[in-house]
PDB file of N, CA and C in Angstrom:
ATOM      1  N   UNK A   1      28.736  31.260-156.458  1.00  0.00           N
ATOM      2  CA  UNK A   1      29.674  31.605-157.478  1.00  0.00           C
ATOM      3  C   UNK A   1      30.188  32.991-157.204  1.00  0.00           C
ATOM      4  N   UNK A   2      31.562  33.174-157.327  1.00  0.00           N
ATOM      5  CA  UNK A   2      32.137  34.440-157.060  1.00  0.00           C
ATOM      6  C   UNK A   2      31.865  35.436-158.138  1.00  0.00           C
ATOM      7  N   UNK A   3      31.636  36.674-157.746  1.00  0.00           N
ATOM      8  CA  UNK A   3      31.428  37.684-158.722  1.00  0.00           C
ATOM      9  C   UNK A   3      32.659  38.240-159.240  1.00  0.00           C
ATOM     10  N   UNK A   4      32.845  38.349-160.582  1.00  0.00           N
ATOM     11  CA  UNK A   4      34.075  38.812-161.248  1.00  0.00           C
ATOM     12  C   UNK A   4      34.015  40.319-161.232  1.00  0.00           C
ATOM     13  N   UNK A   5      35.174  40.868-161.015  1.00  0.00           N
ATOM     14  CA  UNK A   5      35.329  42.380-161.091  1.00  0.00           C
ATOM     15  C   UNK A   5      35.404  42.807-162.528  1.00  0.00           C
ATOM     16  N   UNK A   6      34.303  43.287-163.041  1.00  0.00           N
ATOM     17  CA  UNK A   6      34.308  43.757-164.408  1.00  0.00           C
ATOM     18  C   UNK A   6      34.654  45.140-164.577  1.00  0.00           C
ATOM     19  N   UNK A   7      35.477  45.419-165.529  1.00  0.00           N
ATOM     20  CA  UNK A   7      35.817  46.816-165.801  1.00  0.00           C
ATOM     21  C   UNK A   7      35.089  47.152-167.071  1.00  0.00           C
ATOM     22  N   UNK A   8      34.854  48.478-167.239  1.00  0.00           N
ATOM     23  CA  UNK A   8      34.274  48.892-168.452  1.00  0.00           C
ATOM     24  C   UNK A   8      32.759  48.649-168.473  1.00  0.00           C
ATOM     25  N   UNK A   9      32.078  48.950-169.629  1.00  0.00           N
ATOM     26  CA  UNK A   9      30.693  48.744-169.781  1.00  0.00           C
ATOM     27  C   UNK A   9      30.412  47.895-171.033  1.00  0.00           C
ATOM     28  N   UNK A  10      29.255  47.250-171.047  1.00  0.00           N
ATOM     29  CA  UNK A  10      28.917  46.325-172.191  1.00  0.00           C
ATOM     30  C   UNK A  10      28.579  46.953-173.461  1.00  0.00           C
ATOM     31  N   UNK A  11      28.049  48.165-173.356  1.00  0.00           N
ATOM     32  CA  UNK A  11      27.685  48.962-174.604  1.00  0.00           C
ATOM     33  C   UNK A  11      27.756  50.419-174.270  1.00  0.00           C
ATOM     34  N   UNK A  12      27.779  51.228-175.309  1.00  0.00           N
ATOM     35  CA  UNK A  12      27.864  52.643-175.102  1.00  0.00           C
ATOM     36  C   UNK A  12      26.915  53.286-176.118  1.00  0.00           C
ATOM     37  N   UNK A  13      26.540  54.564-175.772  1.00  0.00           N
ATOM     38  CA  UNK A  13      25.610  55.224-176.733  1.00  0.00           C
ATOM     39  C   UNK A  13      26.385  55.742-177.921  1.00  0.00           C
ATOM     40  N   UNK A  14      25.796  55.315-179.132  1.00  0.00           N
ATOM     41  CA  UNK A  14      26.364  55.766-180.388  1.00  0.00           C
ATOM     42  C   UNK A  14      25.281  56.484-181.098  1.00  0.00           C
ATOM     43  N   UNK A  15      25.309  57.759-181.130  1.00  0.00           N
ATOM     44  CA  UNK A  15      24.246  58.467-181.814  1.00  0.00           C
ATOM     45  C   UNK A  15      24.184  58.325-183.269  1.00  0.00           C
ATOM     46  N   UNK A  16      22.904  58.441-183.760  1.00  0.00           N
ATOM     47  CA  UNK A  16      22.766  58.311-185.224  1.00  0.00           C
ATOM     48  C   UNK A  16      23.568  59.373-186.017  1.00  0.00           C
ATOM     49  N   UNK A  17      23.977  60.377-185.317  1.00  0.00           N
ATOM     50  CA  UNK A  17      24.732  61.439-185.936  1.00  0.00           C
ATOM     51  C   UNK A  17      26.262  61.334-185.752  1.00  0.00           C
ATOM     52  N   UNK A  18      26.706  60.084-185.276  1.00  0.00           N
ATOM     53  CA  UNK A  18      28.125  59.829-185.079  1.00  0.00           C
ATOM     54  C   UNK A  18      29.009  60.213-186.247  1.00  0.00           C
ATOM     55  N   UNK A  19      28.577  59.892-187.478  1.00  0.00           N
ATOM     56  CA  UNK A  19      29.428  60.214-188.620  1.00  0.00           C
ATOM     57  C   UNK A  19      29.299  61.701-189.051  1.00  0.00           C
ATOM     58  N   UNK A  20      28.426  62.465-188.400  1.00  0.00           N
ATOM     59  CA  UNK A  20      28.364  63.891-188.662  1.00  0.00           C
ATOM     60  C   UNK A  20      29.103  64.708-187.657  1.00  0.00           C
ATOM     61  N   UNK A  21      29.627  64.036-186.678  1.00  0.00           N
ATOM     62  CA  UNK A  21      30.457  64.627-185.661  1.00  0.00           C
ATOM     63  C   UNK A  21      31.637  65.365-186.323  1.00  0.00           C
ATOM     64  N   UNK A  22      31.922  66.566-185.889  1.00  0.00           N
ATOM     65  CA  UNK A  22      33.069  67.279-186.534  1.00  0.00           C
ATOM     66  C   UNK A  22      34.413  66.502-186.511  1.00  0.00           C
ATOM     67  N   UNK A  23      34.689  65.873-185.373  1.00  0.00           N
ATOM     68  CA  UNK A  23      35.924  65.148-185.258  1.00  0.00           C
ATOM     69  C   UNK A  23      35.949  63.987-186.277  1.00  0.00           C
ATOM     70  N   UNK A  24      34.906  63.240-186.375  1.00  0.00           N
ATOM     71  CA  UNK A  24      34.774  62.199-187.223  1.00  0.00           C
ATOM     72  C   UNK A  24      34.858  62.640-188.761  1.00  0.00           C
ATOM     73  N   UNK A  25      34.159  63.716-189.049  1.00  0.00           N
ATOM     74  CA  UNK A  25      34.246  64.293-190.418  1.00  0.00           C
ATOM     75  C   UNK A  25      35.649  64.734-190.766  1.00  0.00           C
ATOM     76  N   UNK A  26      36.386  65.329-189.760  1.00  0.00           N
ATOM     77  CA  UNK A  26      37.690  65.763-189.943  1.00  0.00           C
ATOM     78  C   UNK A  26      38.573  64.503-190.270  1.00  0.00           C
ATOM     79  N   UNK A  27      38.440  63.429-189.495  1.00  0.00           N
ATOM     80  CA  UNK A  27      39.190  62.178-189.721  1.00  0.00           C
ATOM     81  C   UNK A  27      38.909  61.650-191.109  1.00  0.00           C
ATOM     82  N   UNK A  28      37.671  61.636-191.536  1.00  0.00           N
ATOM     83  CA  UNK A  28      37.301  61.130-192.872  1.00  0.00           C
ATOM     84  C   UNK A  28      37.891  62.003-193.996  1.00  0.00           C
ATOM     85  N   UNK A  29      37.747  63.345-193.838  1.00  0.00           N
ATOM     86  CA  UNK A  29      38.300  64.234-194.815  1.00  0.00           C
ATOM     87  C   UNK A  29      39.817  64.227-194.975  1.00  0.00           C
ATOM     88  N   UNK A  30      40.446  64.135-193.822  1.00  0.00           N
ATOM     89  CA  UNK A  30      41.878  64.242-193.781  1.00  0.00           C
ATOM     90  C   UNK A  30      42.638  62.926-194.033  1.00  0.00           C
ATOM     91  N   UNK A  31      42.031  61.868-193.518  1.00  0.00           N
ATOM     92  CA  UNK A  31      42.678  60.475-193.560  1.00  0.00           C
ATOM     93  C   UNK A  31      41.974  59.471-194.317  1.00  0.00           C
ATOM     94  N   UNK A  32      40.671  59.583-194.594  1.00  0.00           N
ATOM     95  CA  UNK A  32      39.962  58.633-195.342  1.00  0.00           C
ATOM     96  C   UNK A  32      38.952  57.834-194.512  1.00  0.00           C
ATOM     97  N   UNK A  33      38.080  57.105-195.201  1.00  0.00           N
ATOM     98  CA  UNK A  33      36.918  56.476-194.559  1.00  0.00           C
ATOM     99  C   UNK A  33      37.319  55.348-193.661  1.00  0.00           C
ATOM    100  N   UNK A  34      38.425  54.637-193.963  1.00  0.00           N
ATOM    101  CA  UNK A  34      38.865  53.529-193.078  1.00  0.00           C
ATOM    102  C   UNK A  34      39.190  53.986-191.677  1.00  0.00           C
ATOM    103  N   UNK A  35      39.593  55.309-191.631  1.00  0.00           N
ATOM    104  CA  UNK A  35      39.944  55.777-190.273  1.00  0.00           C
ATOM    105  C   UNK A  35      38.775  55.991-189.322  1.00  0.00           C
ATOM    106  N   UNK A  36      37.590  56.155-189.967  1.00  0.00           N
ATOM    107  CA  UNK A  36      36.323  56.234-189.085  1.00  0.00           C
ATOM    108  C   UNK A  36      36.132  54.886-188.373  1.00  0.00           C
ATOM    109  N   UNK A  37      36.380  53.795-189.130  1.00  0.00           N
ATOM    110  CA  UNK A  37      36.335  52.410-188.481  1.00  0.00           C
ATOM    111  C   UNK A  37      37.307  52.313-187.336  1.00  0.00           C
ATOM    112  N   UNK A  38      38.491  52.793-187.559  1.00  0.00           N
ATOM    113  CA  UNK A  38      39.526  52.742-186.452  1.00  0.00           C
ATOM    114  C   UNK A  38      39.106  53.523-185.306  1.00  0.00           C
ATOM    115  N   UNK A  39      38.544  54.702-185.455  1.00  0.00           N
ATOM    116  CA  UNK A  39      38.058  55.581-184.391  1.00  0.00           C
ATOM    117  C   UNK A  39      36.954  54.782-183.636  1.00  0.00           C
ATOM    118  N   UNK A  40      36.049  54.146-184.350  1.00  0.00           N
ATOM    119  CA  UNK A  40      35.030  53.366-183.660  1.00  0.00           C
ATOM    120  C   UNK A  40      35.545  52.165-182.868  1.00  0.00           C
ATOM    121  N   UNK A  41      36.606  51.474-183.491  1.00  0.00           N
ATOM    122  CA  UNK A  41      37.279  50.410-182.759  1.00  0.00           C
ATOM    123  C   UNK A  41      37.931  50.988-181.487  1.00  0.00           C
ATOM    124  N   UNK A  42      38.535  52.099-181.570  1.00  0.00           N
ATOM    125  CA  UNK A  42      39.212  52.659-180.380  1.00  0.00           C
ATOM    126  C   UNK A  42      38.166  53.011-179.278  1.00  0.00           C
ATOM    127  N   UNK A  43      36.991  53.507-179.681  1.00  0.00           N
ATOM    128  CA  UNK A  43      35.963  53.762-178.715  1.00  0.00           C
ATOM    129  C   UNK A  43      35.514  52.408-178.033  1.00  0.00           C
ATOM    130  N   UNK A  44      35.332  51.380-178.858  1.00  0.00           N
ATOM    131  CA  UNK A  44      34.873  50.057-178.288  1.00  0.00           C
ATOM    132  C   UNK A  44      35.948  49.600-177.293  1.00  0.00           C
ATOM    133  N   UNK A  45      37.215  49.722-177.541  1.00  0.00           N
ATOM    134  CA  UNK A  45      38.266  49.227-176.728  1.00  0.00           C
ATOM    135  C   UNK A  45      38.228  50.039-175.433  1.00  0.00           C
ATOM    136  N   UNK A  46      38.145  51.352-175.593  1.00  0.00           N
ATOM    137  CA  UNK A  46      38.129  52.283-174.428  1.00  0.00           C
ATOM    138  C   UNK A  46      36.955  51.962-173.503  1.00  0.00           C
ATOM    139  N   UNK A  47      35.749  51.891-174.036  1.00  0.00           N
ATOM    140  CA  UNK A  47      34.625  51.650-173.195  1.00  0.00           C
ATOM    141  C   UNK A  47      34.664  50.279-172.530  1.00  0.00           C
ATOM    142  N   UNK A  48      35.342  49.301-173.212  1.00  0.00           N
ATOM    143  CA  UNK A  48      35.412  47.898-172.630  1.00  0.00           C
ATOM    144  C   UNK A  48      36.326  47.935-171.426  1.00  0.00           C
ATOM    145  N   UNK A  49      37.254  48.848-171.384  1.00  0.00           N
ATOM    146  CA  UNK A  49      38.187  48.916-170.257  1.00  0.00           C
ATOM    147  C   UNK A  49      37.671  49.599-169.073  1.00  0.00           C
ATOM    148  N   UNK A  50      37.220  50.819-169.309  1.00  0.00           N
ATOM    149  CA  UNK A  50      36.652  51.743-168.235  1.00  0.00           C
ATOM    150  C   UNK A  50      36.308  53.059-168.897  1.00  0.00           C
ATOM    151  N   UNK A  51      36.530  54.144-168.205  1.00  0.00           N
ATOM    152  CA  UNK A  51      36.203  55.467-168.871  1.00  0.00           C
ATOM    153  C   UNK A  51      37.430  56.087-169.496  1.00  0.00           C
ATOM    154  N   UNK A  52      38.578  55.370-169.467  1.00  0.00           N
ATOM    155  CA  UNK A  52      39.775  55.763-170.149  1.00  0.00           C
ATOM    156  C   UNK A  52      40.563  54.566-170.577  1.00  0.00           C
ATOM    157  N   UNK A  53      41.568  54.824-171.392  1.00  0.00           N
ATOM    158  CA  UNK A  53      42.421  53.704-171.883  1.00  0.00           C
ATOM    159  C   UNK A  53      43.882  54.251-171.919  1.00  0.00           C
ATOM    160  N   UNK A  54      44.755  53.622-171.210  1.00  0.00           N
ATOM    161  CA  UNK A  54      46.109  54.003-171.202  1.00  0.00           C
ATOM    162  C   UNK A  54      46.632  53.838-172.647  1.00  0.00           C
ATOM    163  N   UNK A  55      47.351  54.855-173.134  1.00  0.00           N
ATOM    164  CA  UNK A  55      47.764  54.807-174.522  1.00  0.00           C
ATOM    165  C   UNK A  55      49.287  55.101-174.589  1.00  0.00           C
ATOM    166  N   UNK A  56      50.053  53.966-174.592  1.00  0.00           N
ATOM    167  CA  UNK A  56      51.511  54.114-174.796  1.00  0.00           C
ATOM    168  C   UNK A  56      51.884  53.332-176.041  1.00  0.00           C
ATOM    169  N   UNK A  57      53.126  53.285-176.303  1.00  0.00           N
ATOM    170  CA  UNK A  57      53.612  52.710-177.522  1.00  0.00           C
ATOM    171  C   UNK A  57      53.187  51.232-177.656  1.00  0.00           C
ATOM    172  N   UNK A  58      53.187  50.507-176.591  1.00  0.00           N
ATOM    173  CA  UNK A  58      52.821  49.077-176.601  1.00  0.00           C
ATOM    174  C   UNK A  58      51.310  48.945-177.016  1.00  0.00           C
ATOM    175  N   UNK A  59      50.481  49.777-176.388  1.00  0.00           N
ATOM    176  CA  UNK A  59      49.028  49.667-176.728  1.00  0.00           C
ATOM    177  C   UNK A  59      48.808  50.099-178.191  1.00  0.00           C
ATOM    178  N   UNK A  60      49.549  51.114-178.647  1.00  0.00           N
ATOM    179  CA  UNK A  60      49.357  51.543-180.035  1.00  0.00           C
ATOM    180  C   UNK A  60      49.806  50.389-181.009  1.00  0.00           C
ATOM    181  N   UNK A  61      50.905  49.760-180.668  1.00  0.00           N
ATOM    182  CA  UNK A  61      51.371  48.645-181.528  1.00  0.00           C
ATOM    183  C   UNK A  61      50.379  47.453-181.587  1.00  0.00           C
ATOM    184  N   UNK A  62      49.874  47.087-180.375  1.00  0.00           N
ATOM    185  CA  UNK A  62      48.932  46.013-180.295  1.00  0.00           C
ATOM    186  C   UNK A  62      47.608  46.338-180.985  1.00  0.00           C
ATOM    187  N   UNK A  63      47.161  47.563-180.858  1.00  0.00           N
ATOM    188  CA  UNK A  63      45.954  47.974-181.443  1.00  0.00           C
ATOM    189  C   UNK A  63      46.082  47.964-183.006  1.00  0.00           C
ATOM    190  N   UNK A  64      47.196  48.444-183.471  1.00  0.00           N
ATOM    191  CA  UNK A  64      47.404  48.508-184.918  1.00  0.00           C
ATOM    192  C   UNK A  64      47.372  47.108-185.467  1.00  0.00           C
ATOM    193  N   UNK A  65      47.938  46.092-184.801  1.00  0.00           N
ATOM    194  CA  UNK A  65      47.971  44.719-185.325  1.00  0.00           C
ATOM    195  C   UNK A  65      46.550  44.083-185.189  1.00  0.00           C
ATOM    196  N   UNK A  66      45.740  44.448-184.151  1.00  0.00           N
ATOM    197  CA  UNK A  66      44.466  43.808-183.973  1.00  0.00           C
ATOM    198  C   UNK A  66      43.355  44.373-184.913  1.00  0.00           C
ATOM    199  N   UNK A  67      43.466  45.575-185.424  1.00  0.00           N
ATOM    200  CA  UNK A  67      42.364  46.092-186.185  1.00  0.00           C
ATOM    201  C   UNK A  67      42.283  45.400-187.559  1.00  0.00           C
ATOM    202  N   UNK A  68      43.381  44.915-188.022  1.00  0.00           N
ATOM    203  CA  UNK A  68      43.335  44.104-189.287  1.00  0.00           C
ATOM    204  C   UNK A  68      43.004  44.923-190.526  1.00  0.00           C
ATOM    205  N   UNK A  69      43.317  46.182-190.562  1.00  0.00           N
ATOM    206  CA  UNK A  69      43.103  46.971-191.743  1.00  0.00           C
ATOM    207  C   UNK A  69      44.459  47.114-192.515  1.00  0.00           C
ATOM    208  N   UNK A  70      44.408  46.647-193.712  1.00  0.00           N
ATOM    209  CA  UNK A  70      45.627  46.561-194.592  1.00  0.00           C
ATOM    210  C   UNK A  70      46.210  47.989-194.735  1.00  0.00           C
ATOM    211  N   UNK A  71      47.451  48.060-194.692  1.00  0.00           N
ATOM    212  CA  UNK A  71      48.182  49.292-194.973  1.00  0.00           C
ATOM    213  C   UNK A  71      48.039  50.312-193.837  1.00  0.00           C
ATOM    214  N   UNK A  72      47.721  49.932-192.646  1.00  0.00           N
ATOM    215  CA  UNK A  72      47.622  50.831-191.479  1.00  0.00           C
ATOM    216  C   UNK A  72      48.935  50.760-190.776  1.00  0.00           C
ATOM    217  N   UNK A  73      49.342  51.903-190.326  1.00  0.00           N
ATOM    218  CA  UNK A  73      50.605  51.940-189.557  1.00  0.00           C
ATOM    219  C   UNK A  73      50.323  52.610-188.155  1.00  0.00           C
ATOM    220  N   UNK A  74      51.273  52.498-187.297  1.00  0.00           N
ATOM    221  CA  UNK A  74      51.148  53.133-186.048  1.00  0.00           C
ATOM    222  C   UNK A  74      50.964  54.645-186.154  1.00  0.00           C
ATOM    223  N   UNK A  75      51.625  55.157-187.168  1.00  0.00           N
ATOM    224  CA  UNK A  75      51.489  56.645-187.333  1.00  0.00           C
ATOM    225  C   UNK A  75      50.114  57.037-187.664  1.00  0.00           C
ATOM    226  N   UNK A  76      49.407  56.293-188.533  1.00  0.00           N
ATOM    227  CA  UNK A  76      48.035  56.493-188.852  1.00  0.00           C
ATOM    228  C   UNK A  76      47.083  56.424-187.661  1.00  0.00           C
ATOM    229  N   UNK A  77      47.290  55.378-186.880  1.00  0.00           N
ATOM    230  CA  UNK A  77      46.478  55.185-185.697  1.00  0.00           C
ATOM    231  C   UNK A  77      46.733  56.355-184.779  1.00  0.00           C
ATOM    232  N   UNK A  78      47.941  56.819-184.601  1.00  0.00           N
ATOM    233  CA  UNK A  78      48.277  57.993-183.730  1.00  0.00           C
ATOM    234  C   UNK A  78      47.622  59.239-184.284  1.00  0.00           C
ATOM    235  N   UNK A  79      47.522  59.429-185.547  1.00  0.00           N
ATOM    236  CA  UNK A  79      46.831  60.619-186.093  1.00  0.00           C
ATOM    237  C   UNK A  79      45.401  60.625-185.738  1.00  0.00           C
ATOM    238  N   UNK A  80      44.747  59.457-185.778  1.00  0.00           N
ATOM    239  CA  UNK A  80      43.346  59.315-185.333  1.00  0.00           C
ATOM    240  C   UNK A  80      43.238  59.741-183.870  1.00  0.00           C
ATOM    241  N   UNK A  81      44.131  59.161-183.074  1.00  0.00           N
ATOM    242  CA  UNK A  81      44.093  59.452-181.628  1.00  0.00           C
ATOM    243  C   UNK A  81      44.210  60.931-181.319  1.00  0.00           C
ATOM    244  N   UNK A  82      45.187  61.580-182.031  1.00  0.00           N
ATOM    245  CA  UNK A  82      45.409  62.998-181.837  1.00  0.00           C
ATOM    246  C   UNK A  82      44.197  63.825-182.231  1.00  0.00           C
ATOM    247  N   UNK A  83      43.456  63.383-183.236  1.00  0.00           N
ATOM    248  CA  UNK A  83      42.388  64.158-183.775  1.00  0.00           C
ATOM    249  C   UNK A  83      41.092  63.914-183.056  1.00  0.00           C
ATOM    250  N   UNK A  84      40.965  62.769-182.316  1.00  0.00           N
ATOM    251  CA  UNK A  84      39.671  62.397-181.770  1.00  0.00           C
ATOM    252  C   UNK A  84      39.551  62.527-180.219  1.00  0.00           C
ATOM    253  N   UNK A  85      40.571  62.311-179.519  1.00  0.00           N
ATOM    254  CA  UNK A  85      40.500  62.290-178.069  1.00  0.00           C
ATOM    255  C   UNK A  85      41.071  63.605-177.502  1.00  0.00           C
ATOM    256  N   UNK A  86      40.788  63.755-176.199  1.00  0.00           N
ATOM    257  CA  UNK A  86      41.181  64.923-175.492  1.00  0.00           C
ATOM    258  C   UNK A  86      42.745  64.996-175.411  1.00  0.00           C
ATOM    259  N   UNK A  87      43.322  65.994-176.105  1.00  0.00           N
ATOM    260  CA  UNK A  87      44.782  66.055-176.231  1.00  0.00           C
ATOM    261  C   UNK A  87      45.465  66.386-174.934  1.00  0.00           C
ATOM    262  N   UNK A  88      44.818  67.238-174.074  1.00  0.00           N
ATOM    263  CA  UNK A  88      45.350  67.617-172.791  1.00  0.00           C
ATOM    264  C   UNK A  88      45.564  66.454-171.909  1.00  0.00           C
ATOM    265  N   UNK A  89      44.565  65.518-171.761  1.00  0.00           N
ATOM    266  CA  UNK A  89      44.632  64.304-171.024  1.00  0.00           C
ATOM    267  C   UNK A  89      45.532  63.315-171.644  1.00  0.00           C
ATOM    268  N   UNK A  90      45.585  63.241-172.947  1.00  0.00           N
ATOM    269  CA  UNK A  90      46.492  62.333-173.658  1.00  0.00           C
ATOM    270  C   UNK A  90      47.995  62.749-173.362  1.00  0.00           C
ATOM    271  N   UNK A  91      48.267  63.994-173.421  1.00  0.00           N
ATOM    272  CA  UNK A  91      49.621  64.457-173.225  1.00  0.00           C
ATOM    273  C   UNK A  91      50.031  64.412-171.729  1.00  0.00           C
ATOM    274  N   UNK A  92      49.064  64.771-170.876  1.00  0.00           N
ATOM    275  CA  UNK A  92      49.437  64.869-169.416  1.00  0.00           C
ATOM    276  C   UNK A  92      49.406  63.509-168.755  1.00  0.00           C
ATOM    277  N   UNK A  93      48.421  62.714-169.000  1.00  0.00           N
ATOM    278  CA  UNK A  93      48.242  61.444-168.289  1.00  0.00           C
ATOM    279  C   UNK A  93      48.383  60.181-169.198  1.00  0.00           C
ATOM    280  N   UNK A  94      48.634  60.434-170.449  1.00  0.00           N
ATOM    281  CA  UNK A  94      48.887  59.354-171.373  1.00  0.00           C
ATOM    282  C   UNK A  94      47.637  58.363-171.430  1.00  0.00           C
ATOM    283  N   UNK A  95      46.454  58.972-171.507  1.00  0.00           N
ATOM    284  CA  UNK A  95      45.242  58.238-171.634  1.00  0.00           C
ATOM    285  C   UNK A  95      44.347  58.735-172.700  1.00  0.00           C
ATOM    286  N   UNK A  96      43.571  57.833-173.279  1.00  0.00           N
ATOM    287  CA  UNK A  96      42.506  58.206-174.204  1.00  0.00           C
ATOM    288  C   UNK A  96      41.214  58.340-173.504  1.00  0.00           C
ATOM    289  N   UNK A  97      40.585  59.457-173.576  1.00  0.00           N
ATOM    290  CA  UNK A  97      39.250  59.719-172.992  1.00  0.00           C
ATOM    291  C   UNK A  97      38.704  61.036-173.509  1.00  0.00           C
ATOM    292  N   UNK A  98      37.532  61.365-173.063  1.00  0.00           N
ATOM    293  CA  UNK A  98      36.979  62.715-173.293  1.00  0.00           C
ATOM    294  C   UNK A  98      35.923  63.015-172.221  1.00  0.00           C
ATOM    295  N   UNK A  99      35.529  64.236-172.210  1.00  0.00           N
ATOM    296  CA  UNK A  99      34.505  64.494-171.255  1.00  0.00           C
ATOM    297  C   UNK A  99      33.212  63.767-171.552  1.00  0.00           C
ATOM    298  N   UNK A 100      32.759  63.652-172.773  1.00  0.00           N
ATOM    299  CA  UNK A 100      31.649  62.899-173.179  1.00  0.00           C
ATOM    300  C   UNK A 100      31.715  61.432-172.841  1.00  0.00           C
ATOM    301  N   UNK A 101      32.889  60.786-173.033  1.00  0.00           N
ATOM    302  CA  UNK A 101      33.040  59.422-172.719  1.00  0.00           C
ATOM    303  C   UNK A 101      32.866  59.168-171.202  1.00  0.00           C
ATOM    304  N   UNK A 102      33.494  60.112-170.437  1.00  0.00           N
ATOM    305  CA  UNK A 102      33.368  59.940-168.992  1.00  0.00           C
ATOM    306  C   UNK A 102      31.905  60.080-168.504  1.00  0.00           C
ATOM    307  N   UNK A 103      31.189  61.060-169.124  1.00  0.00           N
ATOM    308  CA  UNK A 103      29.764  61.278-168.765  1.00  0.00           C
ATOM    309  C   UNK A 103      28.926  59.972-169.127  1.00  0.00           C
ATOM    310  N   UNK A 104      29.262  59.388-170.255  1.00  0.00           N
ATOM    311  CA  UNK A 104      28.500  58.237-170.641  1.00  0.00           C
ATOM    312  C   UNK A 104      28.698  57.079-169.719  1.00  0.00           C
ATOM    313  N   UNK A 105      30.006  56.861-169.347  1.00  0.00           N
ATOM    314  CA  UNK A 105      30.286  55.741-168.395  1.00  0.00           C
ATOM    315  C   UNK A 105      29.629  55.921-167.050  1.00  0.00           C
ATOM    316  N   UNK A 106      29.805  57.119-166.430  1.00  0.00           N
ATOM    317  CA  UNK A 106      29.204  57.422-165.172  1.00  0.00           C
ATOM    318  C   UNK A 106      27.677  57.378-165.232  1.00  0.00           C
ATOM    319  N   UNK A 107      27.090  57.796-166.352  1.00  0.00           N
ATOM    320  CA  UNK A 107      25.639  57.680-166.483  1.00  0.00           C
ATOM    321  C   UNK A 107      25.181  56.226-166.488  1.00  0.00           C
ATOM    322  N   UNK A 108      25.963  55.447-167.257  1.00  0.00           N
ATOM    323  CA  UNK A 108      25.574  54.016-167.403  1.00  0.00           C
ATOM    324  C   UNK A 108      25.735  53.282-166.040  1.00  0.00           C
ATOM    325  N   UNK A 109      26.741  53.643-165.301  1.00  0.00           N
ATOM    326  CA  UNK A 109      26.927  53.008-163.957  1.00  0.00           C
ATOM    327  C   UNK A 109      25.903  53.345-162.963  1.00  0.00           C
ATOM    328  N   UNK A 110      25.228  54.497-163.136  1.00  0.00           N
ATOM    329  CA  UNK A 110      24.133  54.919-162.248  1.00  0.00           C
ATOM    330  C   UNK A 110      22.874  54.069-162.449  1.00  0.00           C
ATOM    331  N   UNK A 111      22.737  53.508-163.625  1.00  0.00           N
ATOM    332  CA  UNK A 111      21.495  52.735-163.919  1.00  0.00           C
ATOM    333  C   UNK A 111      21.632  51.304-163.538  1.00  0.00           C
ATOM    334  N   UNK A 112      22.875  50.892-163.129  1.00  0.00           N
ATOM    335  CA  UNK A 112      23.065  49.444-162.732  1.00  0.00           C
ATOM    336  C   UNK A 112      22.489  49.172-161.399  1.00  0.00           C
TER     337      UNK A 112
END
């Protein structure tokens, strides 16, 4: 049987202090508790792809439709993206990632 070329990882570390993270607390305080769910969904999508996720208008529109949270708009999803991921890499390369995400993926690939 041929081996499929898998991208991304099957699981990622989610610390018990995830909701105490400054960025997550900022999202909750500024935007509301539903936005924490969206941030977690974005992380799942990102890790399932690889250590980054290309983030253009199409991806934002598709993600907004897939999350299934009533009264969510592209603007709200973008606010989460701006507050949670590395802004330099987002603006320069149009990708969602962070130093911690990249460390997690490379660490998990070493154990395979």
